[in-house]
Structure formats: C-alpha cells, structure tokens
C-alpha atoms as a PDB file:
ATOM      1  CA  MET A   1     -20.178 109.682  90.874  1.00  0.00           C
ATOM      2  CA  LEU A   2     -19.594 105.620  90.447  1.00  0.00           C
ATOM      3  CA  THR A   3     -17.420 106.100  87.616  1.00  0.00           C
ATOM      4  CA  PRO A   4     -14.324 104.986  87.435  1.00  0.00           C
ATOM      5  CA  GLU A   5     -12.028 108.086  87.085  1.00  0.00           C
ATOM      6  CA  LYS A   6      -7.870 107.836  87.427  1.00  0.00           C
ATOM      7  CA  HIS A   7      -7.468 110.328  90.668  1.00  0.00           C
ATOM      8  CA  LEU A   8     -10.650 107.975  92.236  1.00  0.00           C
ATOM      9  CA  ASP A   9      -9.534 107.575  95.486  1.00  0.00           C
ATOM     10  CA  LEU A  10     -11.036 103.220  96.289  1.00  0.00           C
ATOM     11  CA  ASP A  11     -11.000 104.104  99.956  1.00  0.00           C
ATOM     12  CA  THR A  12     -13.269 106.962 100.102  1.00  0.00           C
ATOM     13  CA  SER A  13     -15.477 106.392  96.714  1.00  0.00           C
ATOM     14  CA  VAL A  14     -19.101 105.839  96.760  1.00  0.00           C
ATOM     15  CA  LEU A  15     -19.566 102.065  96.871  1.00  0.00           C
ATOM     16  CA  ARG A  16     -17.051 101.757  99.981  1.00  0.00           C
ATOM     17  CA  VAL A  17     -18.637 103.320 101.873  1.00  0.00           C
ATOM     18  CA  SER A  18     -21.627 101.537 100.512  1.00  0.00           C
ATOM     19  CA  SER A  19     -20.064  97.999 101.774  1.00  0.00           C
ATOM     20  CA  LEU A  20     -19.109  99.728 105.150  1.00  0.00           C
ATOM     21  CA  LEU A  21     -22.633 101.215 105.793  1.00  0.00           C
ATOM     22  CA  LEU A  22     -24.404  97.650 104.848  1.00  0.00           C
ATOM     23  CA  LYS A  23     -21.056  95.560 106.617  1.00  0.00           C
ATOM     24  CA  GLU A  24     -22.684  97.650 109.820  1.00  0.00           C
ATOM     25  CA  LEU A  25     -26.291  97.295 109.936  1.00  0.00           C
ATOM     26  CA  GLN A  26     -25.890  94.045 108.664  1.00  0.00           C
ATOM     27  CA  ARG A  27     -24.510  92.990 112.128  1.00  0.00           C
ATOM     28  CA  LYS A  28     -26.350  95.443 114.437  1.00  0.00           C
ATOM     29  CA  GLY A  29     -29.869  95.346 112.214  1.00  0.00           C
ATOM     30  CA  VAL A  30     -30.739  99.357 112.780  1.00  0.00           C
ATOM     31  CA  VAL A  31     -27.741 102.360 113.366  1.00  0.00           C
ATOM     32  CA  ASP A  32     -28.460 105.616 114.371  1.00  0.00           C
ATOM     33  CA  TYR A  33     -27.648 107.914 111.727  1.00  0.00           C
ATOM     34  CA  GLU A  34     -25.339 110.192 113.387  1.00  0.00           C
ATOM     35  CA  LYS A  35     -22.944 106.851 114.333  1.00  0.00           C
ATOM     36  CA  LEU A  36     -23.051 105.398 110.258  1.00  0.00           C
ATOM     37  CA  ARG A  37     -21.969 108.822 109.963  1.00  0.00           C
ATOM     38  CA  HIS A  38     -19.645 108.741 112.247  1.00  0.00           C
ATOM     39  CA  LEU A  39     -18.396 104.874 111.403  1.00  0.00           C
ATOM     40  CA  VAL A  40     -17.590 106.319 108.076  1.00  0.00           C
ATOM     41  CA  GLU A  41     -15.361 109.465 108.746  1.00  0.00           C
ATOM     42  CA  ARG A  42     -14.000 107.393 111.260  1.00  0.00           C
ATOM     43  CA  ARG A  43     -12.862 104.664 108.792  1.00  0.00           C
ATOM     44  CA  THR A  44     -12.506 107.197 105.781  1.00  0.00           C
ATOM     45  CA  GLY A  45     -11.588 110.241 106.497  1.00  0.00           C
ATOM     46  CA  THR A  46     -13.294 113.434 105.820  1.00  0.00           C
ATOM     47  CA  ASP A  47     -13.037 112.705 102.730  1.00  0.00           C
ATOM     48  CA  GLY A  48     -15.100 110.380 103.303  1.00  0.00           C
ATOM     49  CA  SER A  49     -18.103 111.820 104.344  1.00  0.00           C
ATOM     50  CA  PHE A  50     -18.528 113.282 100.910  1.00  0.00           C
ATOM     51  CA  ALA A  51     -19.646 110.023  99.932  1.00  0.00           C
ATOM     52  CA  PHE A  52     -22.054 108.919 103.099  1.00  0.00           C
ATOM     53  CA  MET A  53     -25.750 111.000 100.851  1.00  0.00           C
ATOM     54  CA  PRO A  54     -24.833 108.768  97.548  1.00  0.00           C
ATOM     55  CA  ALA A  55     -24.157 105.572  99.317  1.00  0.00           C
ATOM     56  CA  LEU A  56     -27.310 105.856 101.734  1.00  0.00           C
ATOM     57  CA  ASN A  57     -28.987 106.932  98.102  1.00  0.00           C
ATOM     58  CA  VAL A  58     -27.366 103.954  96.428  1.00  0.00           C
ATOM     59  CA  LEU A  59     -28.513 101.684  99.364  1.00  0.00           C
ATOM     60  CA  PHE A  60     -31.538 102.986  99.859  1.00  0.00           C
ATOM     61  CA  LEU A  61     -32.409 102.408  95.504  1.00  0.00           C
ATOM     62  CA  LEU A  62     -31.095  99.144  95.534  1.00  0.00           C
ATOM     63  CA  GLY A  63     -33.860  97.989  98.730  1.00  0.00           C
ATOM     64  CA  LEU A  64     -31.486  97.272 100.876  1.00  0.00           C
ATOM     65  CA  ILE A  65     -32.193  99.915 103.429  1.00  0.00           C
ATOM     66  CA  ASP A  66     -35.325 101.910 105.421  1.00  0.00           C
ATOM     67  CA  TYR A  67     -34.646 105.394 106.489  1.00  0.00           C
ATOM     68  CA  HIS A  68     -37.294 106.262 109.623  1.00  0.00           C
ATOM     69  CA  VAL A  69     -37.564 109.365 110.496  1.00  0.00           C
ATOM     70  CA  LYS A  70     -39.374 109.550 113.749  1.00  0.00           C
ATOM     71  CA  ASN A  71     -36.300 107.845 115.292  1.00  0.00           C
ATOM     72  CA  ASP A  72     -34.072 109.348 112.921  1.00  0.00           C
ATOM     73  CA  THR A  73     -32.479 105.734 111.568  1.00  0.00           C
ATOM     74  CA  VAL A  74     -31.576 103.164 109.901  1.00  0.00           C
ATOM     75  CA  GLU A  75     -32.527  99.661 109.411  1.00  0.00           C
ATOM     76  CA  TYR A  76     -31.670  97.280 106.902  1.00  0.00           C
ATOM     77  CA  ARG A  77     -34.005  95.148 105.070  1.00  0.00           C
ATOM     78  CA  SER A  78     -33.210  91.250 105.429  1.00  0.00           C
ATOM     79  CA  GLY A  79     -34.954  90.190 102.519  1.00  0.00           C
ATOM     80  CA  ALA A  80     -34.132  92.088 100.211  1.00  0.00           C
ATOM     81  CA  VAL A  81     -32.528  90.283  97.032  1.00  0.00           C
END
C-alpha cells in the first residue's frame, strides 16, 4: 500500500492519512478512535477511510502512538523517535 503507482491518489494515500492523524494527535494528545476516523473521512472523503487502519498501523509500528483498549482512544507518544 505504500508503493507508488501510476494511478495513486495522493490525497487518500496511507502517508497522507498518517500525516493527518499525526498532526491531530500532536495537537490534542489523546483522541477518541471514532473522532479520528471521522476526521479522516471529512478531510479525504470516503476513499480515505480505506487507508485509516493502515495509517494507524504505520504510526503504531513507528512507535508514535499507543492505543488504549479500555477507553477506545489513541494517544500520541511525545518521547518517541
């Protein structure tokens, strides 16, 4: 999904959605999972919602976010990387 293709829409790519999520999480710190999903849909349209989970996975694998199951929230890790 991260490989560029001839017909790749950059507005709905995983890297763009990751940057939207990271910007919002840096601003607020902790955000509800559904609010993040709605933010992505509002900014990129319904096509961007397909890249939402892969974008969260990228940020989690980079150690930039944590997911809290109990509260269903995503938290920005300020001391990461």
